Amino acid sequence: MTVSAIFFDLDGTLIDTAPDLAYALNTLLLENGIEKKPYEVIKPLVAYGGKALISMGFDCDRSHPEFVKRHQRLLHIYIDNIDKYTFFFDGADDLLRMIKERKLLWGIVTNKPQNLSYLLLDRLGVSPDVIVCGDTLKYNKPHPAPLLYACAQLAVLPKNVLFVGDDKNDILAGRNAGIKTVAVTYGYGNVEQDWGYDYSIDTLKELVKWI
């Protein structure tokens, strides 16, 4: 295929944000006199957002009278420490540099809220050609709308795009949009063949070789 653009999921694909989300949750738990949770327990829930972290950390559902307050406090802690321990996955720097050298377009398509996504990308000093967040449109992944919107913004055809992600919803969104998908095995999801991805990689360095 002729690749005109490459889109990436954010958390668990291009950037490892789990350490800072774990830090935020454990800080909140300690504030409430609750023992910290192991990183290994927190990491798999990162893909499901802050509300999932609150449910697990406090062993409560969204009907709990303190749920909203706890979630808001979690977000405040995270925002204040959004780049404390976050880092690019191995090979990301070389990959983004090569994309620029080859004059390819690239973007972020994430379910992360817009305010957090833009703040994090700004702190890390990266400027994608397009950013589509969880609250940019009415629908988010696995709906194809965010990916198709990104294609429209860059005036590229879906058939000439690769979408790289670590979650089943990433792969479903790509398939629904008619975009070739690349599943990364190092992310937060446990990649399974029945997701229907087109390719899989163990590191971003493999994608560098393709380009």
N, C-alpha and C. Protein backbone atom coordinates (compact mmCIF):
# COMPACT_ATOMS: atom_id res chain seq x y z
N MET A 1 0.83 -1.19 0.00
CA MET A 1 0.00 0.00 0.00
C MET A 1 0.87 1.25 0.00
N THR A 2 0.34 2.34 -0.53
CA THR A 2 1.00 3.63 -0.47
C THR A 2 0.54 4.35 0.79
N VAL A 3 1.47 4.63 1.68
CA VAL A 3 1.13 5.27 2.95
C VAL A 3 1.30 6.78 2.83
N SER A 4 0.21 7.50 3.05
CA SER A 4 0.25 8.96 3.05
C SER A 4 0.27 9.53 4.46
N ALA A 5 -0.32 8.78 5.40
CA ALA A 5 -0.41 9.26 6.78
C ALA A 5 -0.43 8.09 7.75
N ILE A 6 0.06 8.36 8.95
CA ILE A 6 0.03 7.37 10.03
C ILE A 6 -0.64 8.01 11.24
N PHE A 7 -1.67 7.36 11.74
CA PHE A 7 -2.36 7.83 12.95
C PHE A 7 -2.01 6.90 14.11
N PHE A 8 -1.91 7.49 15.28
CA PHE A 8 -1.57 6.72 16.47
C PHE A 8 -2.63 6.95 17.56
N ASP A 9 -2.96 5.88 18.26
CA ASP A 9 -3.60 6.04 19.56
C ASP A 9 -2.54 6.68 20.45
N LEU A 10 -2.96 7.27 21.56
CA LEU A 10 -1.99 7.98 22.41
C LEU A 10 -1.50 7.10 23.56
N ASP A 11 -2.35 6.92 24.57
CA ASP A 11 -1.96 6.16 25.76
C ASP A 11 -1.75 4.68 25.44
N GLY A 12 -0.58 4.18 25.75
CA GLY A 12 -0.31 2.76 25.54
C GLY A 12 0.19 2.42 24.15
N THR A 13 0.27 3.41 23.28
CA THR A 13 0.72 3.17 21.91
C THR A 13 1.94 4.01 21.58
N LEU A 14 1.78 5.32 21.64
CA LEU A 14 2.89 6.22 21.37
C LEU A 14 3.57 6.67 22.66
N ILE A 15 2.76 6.86 23.69
CA ILE A 15 3.25 7.39 24.96
C ILE A 15 2.78 6.51 26.12
N ASP A 16 3.68 6.27 27.07
CA ASP A 16 3.33 5.48 28.25
C ASP A 16 2.91 6.44 29.37
N THR A 17 1.60 6.60 29.52
CA THR A 17 1.06 7.50 30.52
C THR A 17 0.66 6.79 31.81
N ALA A 18 0.74 5.47 31.82
CA ALA A 18 0.29 4.70 32.98
C ALA A 18 1.00 5.09 34.27
N PRO A 19 2.31 5.36 34.27
CA PRO A 19 2.98 5.71 35.53
C PRO A 19 2.38 6.95 36.20
N ASP A 20 2.04 7.97 35.41
CA ASP A 20 1.49 9.19 36.00
C ASP A 20 0.05 9.00 36.46
N LEU A 21 -0.71 8.18 35.76
CA LEU A 21 -2.07 7.89 36.20
C LEU A 21 -2.05 7.05 37.47
N ALA A 22 -1.10 6.14 37.56
CA ALA A 22 -0.94 5.35 38.78
C ALA A 22 -0.52 6.24 39.94
N TYR A 23 0.36 7.17 39.67
CA TYR A 23 0.79 8.12 40.70
C TYR A 23 -0.39 8.95 41.20
N ALA A 24 -1.23 9.41 40.28
CA ALA A 24 -2.39 10.22 40.66
C ALA A 24 -3.36 9.43 41.53
N LEU A 25 -3.64 8.19 41.11
CA LEU A 25 -4.56 7.37 41.89
C LEU A 25 -4.00 7.08 43.28
N ASN A 26 -2.75 6.68 43.34
CA ASN A 26 -2.18 6.32 44.65
C ASN A 26 -2.04 7.54 45.56
N THR A 27 -1.79 8.70 44.98
CA THR A 27 -1.77 9.93 45.78
C THR A 27 -3.14 10.19 46.38
N LEU A 28 -4.17 10.00 45.58
CA LEU A 28 -5.55 10.19 46.05
C LEU A 28 -5.91 9.18 47.13
N LEU A 29 -5.51 7.93 46.93
CA LEU A 29 -5.81 6.90 47.92
C LEU A 29 -5.15 7.22 49.26
N LEU A 30 -3.90 7.65 49.22
CA LEU A 30 -3.19 7.99 50.44
C LEU A 30 -3.84 9.18 51.14
N GLU A 31 -4.35 10.13 50.35
CA GLU A 31 -5.06 11.28 50.93
C GLU A 31 -6.29 10.84 51.73
N ASN A 32 -6.84 9.69 51.30
CA ASN A 32 -8.04 9.18 51.94
C ASN A 32 -7.76 8.04 52.92
N GLY A 33 -6.48 7.88 53.26
CA GLY A 33 -6.12 6.87 54.25
C GLY A 33 -6.21 5.44 53.75
N ILE A 34 -6.11 5.27 52.42
CA ILE A 34 -6.20 3.94 51.82
C ILE A 34 -4.83 3.54 51.27
N GLU A 35 -4.47 2.31 51.45
CA GLU A 35 -3.17 1.82 50.99
C GLU A 35 -3.05 1.90 49.47
N LYS A 36 -1.86 2.21 49.00
CA LYS A 36 -1.62 2.30 47.57
C LYS A 36 -1.87 0.96 46.87
N LYS A 37 -2.25 1.04 45.59
CA LYS A 37 -2.44 -0.15 44.77
C LYS A 37 -1.17 -0.43 43.96
N PRO A 38 -0.84 -1.70 43.75
CA PRO A 38 0.34 -2.03 42.94
C PRO A 38 0.19 -1.52 41.50
N TYR A 39 1.28 -1.10 40.94
CA TYR A 39 1.28 -0.60 39.56
C TYR A 39 0.72 -1.64 38.60
N GLU A 40 1.04 -2.90 38.83
CA GLU A 40 0.59 -3.98 37.94
C GLU A 40 -0.93 -4.12 37.94
N VAL A 41 -1.57 -3.71 39.03
CA VAL A 41 -3.04 -3.76 39.11
C VAL A 41 -3.65 -2.55 38.40
N ILE A 42 -3.00 -1.41 38.50
CA ILE A 42 -3.52 -0.18 37.91
C ILE A 42 -3.35 -0.15 36.39
N LYS A 43 -2.22 -0.59 35.89
CA LYS A 43 -1.87 -0.44 34.48
C LYS A 43 -2.94 -0.96 33.52
N PRO A 44 -3.50 -2.16 33.71
CA PRO A 44 -4.49 -2.65 32.73
C PRO A 44 -5.76 -1.81 32.66
N LEU A 45 -6.03 -1.01 33.70
CA LEU A 45 -7.25 -0.21 33.74
C LEU A 45 -7.09 1.17 33.13
N VAL A 46 -5.86 1.55 32.84
CA VAL A 46 -5.59 2.90 32.33
C VAL A 46 -6.37 3.18 31.05
N ALA A 47 -6.49 2.19 30.19
CA ALA A 47 -7.19 2.38 28.92
C ALA A 47 -8.66 2.73 29.10
N TYR A 48 -9.20 2.43 30.28
CA TYR A 48 -10.63 2.66 30.52
C TYR A 48 -10.91 3.99 31.22
N GLY A 49 -9.85 4.77 31.48
CA GLY A 49 -10.04 6.10 32.01
C GLY A 49 -10.06 6.22 33.51
N GLY A 50 -10.15 7.48 33.96
CA GLY A 50 -10.08 7.78 35.38
C GLY A 50 -11.21 7.20 36.21
N LYS A 51 -12.39 7.11 35.62
CA LYS A 51 -13.53 6.59 36.38
C LYS A 51 -13.32 5.12 36.73
N ALA A 52 -12.71 4.39 35.82
CA ALA A 52 -12.40 2.98 36.10
C ALA A 52 -11.38 2.87 37.23
N LEU A 53 -10.45 3.81 37.27
CA LEU A 53 -9.45 3.81 38.33
C LEU A 53 -10.08 4.10 39.69
N ILE A 54 -11.03 5.03 39.70
CA ILE A 54 -11.73 5.35 40.95
C ILE A 54 -12.52 4.14 41.43
N SER A 55 -13.22 3.48 40.53
CA SER A 55 -14.02 2.31 40.90
C SER A 55 -13.16 1.23 41.52
N MET A 56 -12.00 0.98 40.91
CA MET A 56 -11.11 -0.05 41.43
C MET A 56 -10.46 0.39 42.74
N GLY A 57 -9.93 1.61 42.75
CA GLY A 57 -9.18 2.07 43.91
C GLY A 57 -10.02 2.17 45.18
N PHE A 58 -11.27 2.61 45.02
CA PHE A 58 -12.13 2.80 46.17
C PHE A 58 -13.18 1.70 46.32
N ASP A 59 -13.12 0.72 45.40
CA ASP A 59 -14.08 -0.39 45.43
C ASP A 59 -15.52 0.14 45.50
N CYS A 60 -15.86 1.02 44.56
CA CYS A 60 -17.19 1.61 44.53
C CYS A 60 -17.64 1.79 43.10
N ASP A 61 -18.94 1.97 42.88
CA ASP A 61 -19.43 2.25 41.54
C ASP A 61 -19.80 3.73 41.43
N ARG A 62 -20.30 4.12 40.26
CA ARG A 62 -20.53 5.54 40.00
C ARG A 62 -21.70 6.12 40.77
N SER A 63 -22.47 5.27 41.43
CA SER A 63 -23.59 5.76 42.24
C SER A 63 -23.14 6.22 43.63
N HIS A 64 -21.89 5.96 43.98
CA HIS A 64 -21.39 6.35 45.30
C HIS A 64 -21.42 7.87 45.42
N PRO A 65 -21.88 8.39 46.55
CA PRO A 65 -22.01 9.84 46.71
C PRO A 65 -20.70 10.62 46.59
N GLU A 66 -19.56 9.96 46.79
CA GLU A 66 -18.27 10.63 46.69
C GLU A 66 -17.58 10.39 45.35
N PHE A 67 -18.24 9.66 44.46
CA PHE A 67 -17.57 9.24 43.22
C PHE A 67 -17.13 10.44 42.39
N VAL A 68 -18.04 11.37 42.14
CA VAL A 68 -17.71 12.52 41.28
C VAL A 68 -16.60 13.36 41.90
N LYS A 69 -16.69 13.58 43.20
CA LYS A 69 -15.66 14.36 43.90
C LYS A 69 -14.30 13.68 43.80
N ARG A 70 -14.27 12.39 43.97
CA ARG A 70 -13.02 11.64 43.88
C ARG A 70 -12.45 11.69 42.47
N HIS A 71 -13.32 11.56 41.48
CA HIS A 71 -12.86 11.59 40.10
C HIS A 71 -12.28 12.96 39.76
N GLN A 72 -12.93 14.01 40.19
CA GLN A 72 -12.43 15.36 39.93
C GLN A 72 -11.08 15.59 40.60
N ARG A 73 -10.92 15.08 41.81
CA ARG A 73 -9.65 15.23 42.51
C ARG A 73 -8.55 14.43 41.80
N LEU A 74 -8.89 13.25 41.31
CA LEU A 74 -7.93 12.45 40.54
C LEU A 74 -7.44 13.22 39.33
N LEU A 75 -8.35 13.85 38.61
CA LEU A 75 -7.98 14.62 37.42
C LEU A 75 -7.08 15.80 37.78
N HIS A 76 -7.38 16.46 38.89
CA HIS A 76 -6.54 17.59 39.32
C HIS A 76 -5.12 17.14 39.62
N ILE A 77 -5.00 16.01 40.31
CA ILE A 77 -3.66 15.48 40.62
C ILE A 77 -2.94 15.10 39.34
N TYR A 78 -3.67 14.46 38.43
CA TYR A 78 -3.06 14.03 37.17
C TYR A 78 -2.59 15.23 36.35
N ILE A 79 -3.43 16.26 36.25
CA ILE A 79 -3.06 17.44 35.47
C ILE A 79 -1.80 18.09 36.04
N ASP A 80 -1.70 18.14 37.35
CA ASP A 80 -0.52 18.74 37.99
C ASP A 80 0.74 17.91 37.79
N ASN A 81 0.58 16.65 37.43
CA ASN A 81 1.73 15.74 37.28
C ASN A 81 1.70 15.00 35.95
N ILE A 82 1.14 15.63 34.93
CA ILE A 82 0.83 14.92 33.69
C ILE A 82 2.07 14.43 32.94
N ASP A 83 3.21 15.05 33.19
CA ASP A 83 4.44 14.60 32.52
C ASP A 83 5.54 14.26 33.53
N LYS A 84 5.13 13.89 34.73
CA LYS A 84 6.10 13.58 35.79
C LYS A 84 6.90 12.32 35.47
N TYR A 85 6.20 11.26 35.10
CA TYR A 85 6.85 9.99 34.78
C TYR A 85 6.52 9.49 33.37
N THR A 86 5.71 10.20 32.65
CA THR A 86 5.29 9.79 31.30
C THR A 86 6.48 9.86 30.33
N PHE A 87 6.54 8.91 29.41
CA PHE A 87 7.63 8.90 28.43
C PHE A 87 7.15 8.27 27.12
N PHE A 88 7.87 8.57 26.05
CA PHE A 88 7.60 7.95 24.75
C PHE A 88 8.07 6.50 24.78
N PHE A 89 7.31 5.65 24.14
CA PHE A 89 7.76 4.26 24.02
C PHE A 89 9.00 4.18 23.13
N ASP A 90 9.77 3.15 23.35
CA ASP A 90 11.03 2.96 22.64
C ASP A 90 10.82 2.99 21.13
N GLY A 91 11.58 3.82 20.47
CA GLY A 91 11.50 3.93 19.01
C GLY A 91 10.64 5.06 18.52
N ALA A 92 9.87 5.70 19.41
CA ALA A 92 8.96 6.77 18.98
C ALA A 92 9.70 7.96 18.40
N ASP A 93 10.80 8.36 19.04
CA ASP A 93 11.55 9.53 18.56
C ASP A 93 12.05 9.32 17.14
N ASP A 94 12.66 8.16 16.89
CA ASP A 94 13.16 7.87 15.54
C ASP A 94 12.03 7.79 14.53
N LEU A 95 10.91 7.22 14.95
CA LEU A 95 9.77 7.07 14.05
C LEU A 95 9.21 8.43 13.65
N LEU A 96 9.00 9.31 14.61
CA LEU A 96 8.45 10.63 14.30
C LEU A 96 9.43 11.46 13.46
N ARG A 97 10.70 11.30 13.71
CA ARG A 97 11.70 12.01 12.92
C ARG A 97 11.68 11.51 11.47
N MET A 98 11.56 10.21 11.30
CA MET A 98 11.54 9.65 9.96
C MET A 98 10.27 10.05 9.21
N ILE A 99 9.15 10.09 9.92
CA ILE A 99 7.90 10.52 9.30
C ILE A 99 8.06 11.94 8.75
N LYS A 100 8.70 12.80 9.53
CA LYS A 100 8.93 14.17 9.10
C LYS A 100 9.87 14.23 7.91
N GLU A 101 10.95 13.43 7.95
CA GLU A 101 11.92 13.42 6.85
C GLU A 101 11.29 12.94 5.55
N ARG A 102 10.39 11.97 5.65
CA ARG A 102 9.73 11.43 4.46
C ARG A 102 8.52 12.26 4.03
N LYS A 103 8.27 13.35 4.78
CA LYS A 103 7.16 14.26 4.47
C LYS A 103 5.80 13.54 4.48
N LEU A 104 5.68 12.59 5.40
CA LEU A 104 4.39 11.95 5.63
C LEU A 104 3.60 12.76 6.65
N LEU A 105 2.31 12.59 6.64
CA LEU A 105 1.45 13.24 7.63
C LEU A 105 1.23 12.28 8.80
N TRP A 106 0.99 12.84 9.99
CA TRP A 106 0.72 11.96 11.11
C TRP A 106 -0.24 12.64 12.08
N GLY A 107 -0.89 11.81 12.86
CA GLY A 107 -1.88 12.36 13.78
C GLY A 107 -2.13 11.47 14.98
N ILE A 108 -2.84 12.02 15.93
CA ILE A 108 -3.26 11.32 17.13
C ILE A 108 -4.78 11.16 17.09
N VAL A 109 -5.26 9.94 17.28
CA VAL A 109 -6.69 9.68 17.40
C VAL A 109 -6.88 8.90 18.69
N THR A 110 -7.39 9.58 19.70
CA THR A 110 -7.46 9.03 21.05
C THR A 110 -8.83 9.23 21.67
N ASN A 111 -9.16 8.43 22.64
CA ASN A 111 -10.39 8.64 23.41
C ASN A 111 -10.12 9.50 24.66
N LYS A 112 -8.87 9.92 24.83
CA LYS A 112 -8.51 10.79 25.94
C LYS A 112 -9.17 12.17 25.72
N PRO A 113 -9.66 12.80 26.77
CA PRO A 113 -10.29 14.12 26.61
C PRO A 113 -9.35 15.14 25.98
N GLN A 114 -9.93 16.10 25.32
CA GLN A 114 -9.16 17.10 24.58
C GLN A 114 -8.23 17.91 25.48
N ASN A 115 -8.72 18.36 26.63
CA ASN A 115 -7.87 19.21 27.48
C ASN A 115 -6.63 18.47 27.96
N LEU A 116 -6.79 17.19 28.29
CA LEU A 116 -5.64 16.41 28.76
C LEU A 116 -4.69 16.07 27.61
N SER A 117 -5.25 15.74 26.45
CA SER A 117 -4.42 15.38 25.29
C SER A 117 -3.55 16.54 24.85
N TYR A 118 -4.15 17.72 24.69
CA TYR A 118 -3.40 18.88 24.23
C TYR A 118 -2.35 19.31 25.26
N LEU A 119 -2.71 19.25 26.53
CA LEU A 119 -1.76 19.62 27.57
C LEU A 119 -0.56 18.68 27.56
N LEU A 120 -0.81 17.38 27.47
CA LEU A 120 0.28 16.41 27.48
C LEU A 120 1.17 16.56 26.26
N LEU A 121 0.58 16.67 25.08
CA LEU A 121 1.38 16.80 23.86
C LEU A 121 2.21 18.08 23.87
N ASP A 122 1.62 19.15 24.42
CA ASP A 122 2.36 20.40 24.53
C ASP A 122 3.55 20.26 25.47
N ARG A 123 3.33 19.60 26.60
CA ARG A 123 4.41 19.40 27.57
C ARG A 123 5.54 18.56 26.98
N LEU A 124 5.16 17.60 26.13
CA LEU A 124 6.16 16.71 25.53
C LEU A 124 6.78 17.29 24.27
N GLY A 125 6.25 18.42 23.82
CA GLY A 125 6.84 19.13 22.69
C GLY A 125 6.62 18.49 21.33
N VAL A 126 5.47 17.88 21.14
CA VAL A 126 5.16 17.29 19.83
C VAL A 126 3.93 17.97 19.24
N SER A 127 3.94 18.09 17.90
CA SER A 127 2.85 18.78 17.20
C SER A 127 2.36 17.94 16.03
N PRO A 128 1.42 17.03 16.27
CA PRO A 128 0.86 16.22 15.18
C PRO A 128 0.15 17.11 14.16
N ASP A 129 -0.03 16.59 12.96
CA ASP A 129 -0.74 17.32 11.92
C ASP A 129 -2.23 17.38 12.21
N VAL A 130 -2.73 16.42 12.97
CA VAL A 130 -4.14 16.41 13.36
C VAL A 130 -4.26 15.70 14.71
N ILE A 131 -5.17 16.19 15.54
CA ILE A 131 -5.45 15.56 16.83
C ILE A 131 -6.96 15.41 16.96
N VAL A 132 -7.41 14.18 17.16
CA VAL A 132 -8.83 13.93 17.38
C VAL A 132 -8.95 13.23 18.74
N CYS A 133 -9.73 13.84 19.62
CA CYS A 133 -9.83 13.34 21.00
C CYS A 133 -11.20 12.73 21.27
N GLY A 134 -11.35 12.21 22.47
CA GLY A 134 -12.58 11.52 22.83
C GLY A 134 -13.80 12.40 22.82
N ASP A 135 -13.59 13.71 23.01
CA ASP A 135 -14.72 14.63 23.02
C ASP A 135 -14.70 15.61 21.84
N THR A 136 -13.92 15.31 20.81
CA THR A 136 -13.90 16.15 19.62
C THR A 136 -15.21 16.02 18.85
N LEU A 137 -15.71 14.79 18.75
CA LEU A 137 -16.92 14.49 18.00
C LEU A 137 -17.97 13.88 18.92
N LYS A 138 -19.11 13.61 18.35
CA LYS A 138 -20.18 12.96 19.11
C LYS A 138 -19.81 11.52 19.44
N TYR A 139 -19.07 10.88 18.53
CA TYR A 139 -18.69 9.48 18.71
C TYR A 139 -17.19 9.36 18.92
N ASN A 140 -16.77 8.31 19.62
CA ASN A 140 -15.35 8.00 19.71
C ASN A 140 -15.13 6.52 19.39
N LYS A 141 -13.88 6.11 19.40
CA LYS A 141 -13.56 4.72 19.06
C LYS A 141 -14.29 3.75 19.99
N PRO A 142 -14.84 2.66 19.45
CA PRO A 142 -14.55 2.00 18.17
C PRO A 142 -15.34 2.52 16.96
N HIS A 143 -16.12 3.58 17.11
CA HIS A 143 -16.81 4.16 15.96
C HIS A 143 -15.76 4.69 14.98
N PRO A 144 -16.00 4.57 13.68
CA PRO A 144 -15.01 5.03 12.69
C PRO A 144 -14.92 6.54 12.55
N ALA A 145 -15.90 7.28 13.09
CA ALA A 145 -15.97 8.72 12.86
C ALA A 145 -14.68 9.47 13.18
N PRO A 146 -14.01 9.21 14.33
CA PRO A 146 -12.77 9.97 14.61
C PRO A 146 -11.68 9.76 13.56
N LEU A 147 -11.53 8.54 13.09
CA LEU A 147 -10.51 8.27 12.07
C LEU A 147 -10.88 8.90 10.73
N LEU A 148 -12.14 8.81 10.36
CA LEU A 148 -12.58 9.41 9.10
C LEU A 148 -12.47 10.94 9.17
N TYR A 149 -12.74 11.49 10.33
CA TYR A 149 -12.59 12.93 10.52
C TYR A 149 -11.13 13.34 10.37
N ALA A 150 -10.23 12.57 10.94
CA ALA A 150 -8.79 12.85 10.82
C ALA A 150 -8.36 12.79 9.36
N CYS A 151 -8.87 11.79 8.64
CA CYS A 151 -8.55 11.69 7.20
C CYS A 151 -9.03 12.92 6.45
N ALA A 152 -10.23 13.35 6.76
CA ALA A 152 -10.81 14.51 6.08
C ALA A 152 -10.01 15.77 6.38
N GLN A 153 -9.57 15.90 7.63
CA GLN A 153 -8.80 17.08 8.01
C GLN A 153 -7.49 17.18 7.24
N LEU A 154 -6.91 16.04 6.91
CA LEU A 154 -5.62 16.01 6.20
C LEU A 154 -5.78 15.75 4.71
N ALA A 155 -7.03 15.57 4.26
CA ALA A 155 -7.32 15.31 2.85
C ALA A 155 -6.58 14.07 2.34
N VAL A 156 -6.64 12.99 3.13
CA VAL A 156 -6.03 11.73 2.73
C VAL A 156 -7.12 10.66 2.67
N LEU A 157 -6.92 9.66 1.83
CA LEU A 157 -7.87 8.57 1.70
C LEU A 157 -7.61 7.52 2.78
N PRO A 158 -8.65 6.95 3.35
CA PRO A 158 -8.47 5.91 4.36
C PRO A 158 -7.58 4.76 3.89
N LYS A 159 -7.66 4.41 2.64
CA LYS A 159 -6.87 3.28 2.13
C LYS A 159 -5.38 3.57 2.14
N ASN A 160 -5.00 4.85 2.29
CA ASN A 160 -3.59 5.23 2.32
C ASN A 160 -3.10 5.58 3.72
N VAL A 161 -3.84 5.09 4.73
CA VAL A 161 -3.53 5.42 6.12
C VAL A 161 -3.26 4.15 6.92
N LEU A 162 -2.31 4.25 7.84
CA LEU A 162 -2.09 3.21 8.85
C LEU A 162 -2.55 3.76 10.19
N PHE A 163 -3.25 2.93 10.97
CA PHE A 163 -3.62 3.33 12.33
C PHE A 163 -3.00 2.36 13.30
N VAL A 164 -2.23 2.89 14.25
CA VAL A 164 -1.48 2.09 15.22
C VAL A 164 -2.13 2.21 16.58
N GLY A 165 -2.46 1.07 17.20
CA GLY A 165 -3.11 1.12 18.51
C GLY A 165 -2.85 -0.12 19.34
N ASP A 166 -3.20 -0.04 20.62
CA ASP A 166 -2.94 -1.15 21.54
C ASP A 166 -4.21 -1.79 22.07
N ASP A 167 -5.37 -1.29 21.63
CA ASP A 167 -6.63 -1.75 22.20
C ASP A 167 -7.55 -2.29 21.11
N LYS A 168 -8.42 -3.19 21.49
CA LYS A 168 -9.37 -3.76 20.53
C LYS A 168 -10.20 -2.68 19.86
N ASN A 169 -10.58 -1.65 20.60
CA ASN A 169 -11.37 -0.56 20.03
C ASN A 169 -10.62 0.20 18.94
N ASP A 170 -9.29 0.26 19.06
CA ASP A 170 -8.49 0.88 18.01
C ASP A 170 -8.61 0.09 16.71
N ILE A 171 -8.49 -1.21 16.84
CA ILE A 171 -8.54 -2.08 15.66
C ILE A 171 -9.93 -2.06 15.03
N LEU A 172 -10.96 -2.12 15.86
CA LEU A 172 -12.32 -2.07 15.34
C LEU A 172 -12.59 -0.75 14.62
N ALA A 173 -12.11 0.35 15.20
CA ALA A 173 -12.31 1.66 14.58
C ALA A 173 -11.63 1.71 13.21
N GLY A 174 -10.40 1.19 13.14
CA GLY A 174 -9.69 1.17 11.88
C GLY A 174 -10.40 0.32 10.83
N ARG A 175 -10.83 -0.86 11.22
CA ARG A 175 -11.54 -1.74 10.29
C ARG A 175 -12.82 -1.07 9.81
N ASN A 176 -13.56 -0.46 10.73
CA ASN A 176 -14.81 0.19 10.36
C ASN A 176 -14.62 1.39 9.43
N ALA A 177 -13.41 1.97 9.49
CA ALA A 177 -13.11 3.13 8.65
C ALA A 177 -12.43 2.75 7.34
N GLY A 178 -12.14 1.46 7.16
CA GLY A 178 -11.45 1.03 5.95
C GLY A 178 -9.97 1.37 5.97
N ILE A 179 -9.39 1.41 7.17
CA ILE A 179 -7.99 1.76 7.35
C ILE A 179 -7.21 0.54 7.82
N LYS A 180 -6.01 0.36 7.30
CA LYS A 180 -5.15 -0.73 7.73
C LYS A 180 -4.69 -0.48 9.17
N THR A 181 -4.72 -1.54 9.98
CA THR A 181 -4.41 -1.39 11.40
C THR A 181 -3.15 -2.13 11.80
N VAL A 182 -2.46 -1.54 12.79
CA VAL A 182 -1.25 -2.14 13.36
C VAL A 182 -1.46 -2.24 14.86
N ALA A 183 -1.46 -3.45 15.39
CA ALA A 183 -1.61 -3.66 16.83
C ALA A 183 -0.24 -3.73 17.48
N VAL A 184 -0.05 -2.99 18.57
CA VAL A 184 1.22 -3.05 19.30
C VAL A 184 1.06 -3.97 20.51
N THR A 185 2.02 -4.84 20.69
CA THR A 185 1.91 -5.85 21.75
C THR A 185 2.43 -5.36 23.09
N TYR A 186 3.07 -4.17 23.12
CA TYR A 186 3.68 -3.67 24.35
C TYR A 186 2.75 -2.76 25.16
N GLY A 187 1.54 -2.50 24.65
CA GLY A 187 0.66 -1.53 25.27
C GLY A 187 -0.12 -2.06 26.46
N TYR A 188 -1.29 -1.46 26.71
CA TYR A 188 -2.07 -1.79 27.89
C TYR A 188 -3.05 -2.93 27.65
N GLY A 189 -3.36 -3.20 26.39
CA GLY A 189 -4.29 -4.29 26.09
C GLY A 189 -3.56 -5.59 25.81
N ASN A 190 -4.23 -6.70 26.01
CA ASN A 190 -3.67 -8.01 25.66
C ASN A 190 -4.11 -8.32 24.24
N VAL A 191 -3.22 -8.09 23.29
CA VAL A 191 -3.55 -8.23 21.88
C VAL A 191 -3.90 -9.68 21.55
N GLU A 192 -5.02 -9.85 20.84
CA GLU A 192 -5.46 -11.17 20.43
C GLU A 192 -5.73 -11.19 18.93
N GLN A 193 -5.45 -12.32 18.31
CA GLN A 193 -5.57 -12.42 16.86
C GLN A 193 -6.98 -12.19 16.36
N ASP A 194 -7.97 -12.54 17.15
CA ASP A 194 -9.34 -12.39 16.67
C ASP A 194 -9.80 -10.93 16.63
N TRP A 195 -8.92 -10.00 17.03
CA TRP A 195 -9.25 -8.58 16.86
C TRP A 195 -9.37 -8.22 15.38
N GLY A 196 -8.63 -8.93 14.54
CA GLY A 196 -8.71 -8.68 13.11
C GLY A 196 -7.77 -7.60 12.60
N TYR A 197 -6.66 -7.36 13.31
CA TYR A 197 -5.69 -6.37 12.84
C TYR A 197 -4.96 -6.88 11.60
N ASP A 198 -4.37 -5.93 10.86
CA ASP A 198 -3.64 -6.29 9.63
C ASP A 198 -2.19 -6.66 9.92
N TYR A 199 -1.60 -5.98 10.90
CA TYR A 199 -0.21 -6.24 11.26
C TYR A 199 -0.07 -6.12 12.79
N SER A 200 0.99 -6.69 13.31
CA SER A 200 1.30 -6.47 14.73
C SER A 200 2.79 -6.22 14.87
N ILE A 201 3.16 -5.41 15.86
CA ILE A 201 4.57 -5.11 16.11
C ILE A 201 4.84 -5.19 17.61
N ASP A 202 6.07 -5.53 17.95
CA ASP A 202 6.48 -5.61 19.35
C ASP A 202 7.12 -4.32 19.84
N THR A 203 7.65 -3.52 18.90
CA THR A 203 8.23 -2.21 19.24
C THR A 203 7.97 -1.25 18.07
N LEU A 204 8.01 0.03 18.36
CA LEU A 204 7.83 1.02 17.30
C LEU A 204 8.99 1.01 16.32
N LYS A 205 10.11 0.44 16.74
CA LYS A 205 11.26 0.36 15.84
C LYS A 205 10.93 -0.47 14.60
N GLU A 206 10.04 -1.43 14.74
CA GLU A 206 9.64 -2.24 13.59
C GLU A 206 8.92 -1.39 12.56
N LEU A 207 8.16 -0.41 13.01
CA LEU A 207 7.46 0.47 12.09
C LEU A 207 8.44 1.38 11.37
N VAL A 208 9.53 1.74 12.04
CA VAL A 208 10.58 2.53 11.41
C VAL A 208 11.13 1.79 10.19
N LYS A 209 11.34 0.50 10.34
CA LYS A 209 11.88 -0.31 9.24
C LYS A 209 10.92 -0.35 8.06
N TRP A 210 9.63 -0.42 8.34
CA TRP A 210 8.65 -0.44 7.26
C TRP A 210 8.71 0.85 6.44
N ILE A 211 8.77 1.98 7.14
CA ILE A 211 8.77 3.25 6.45
C ILE A 211 10.06 3.45 5.65
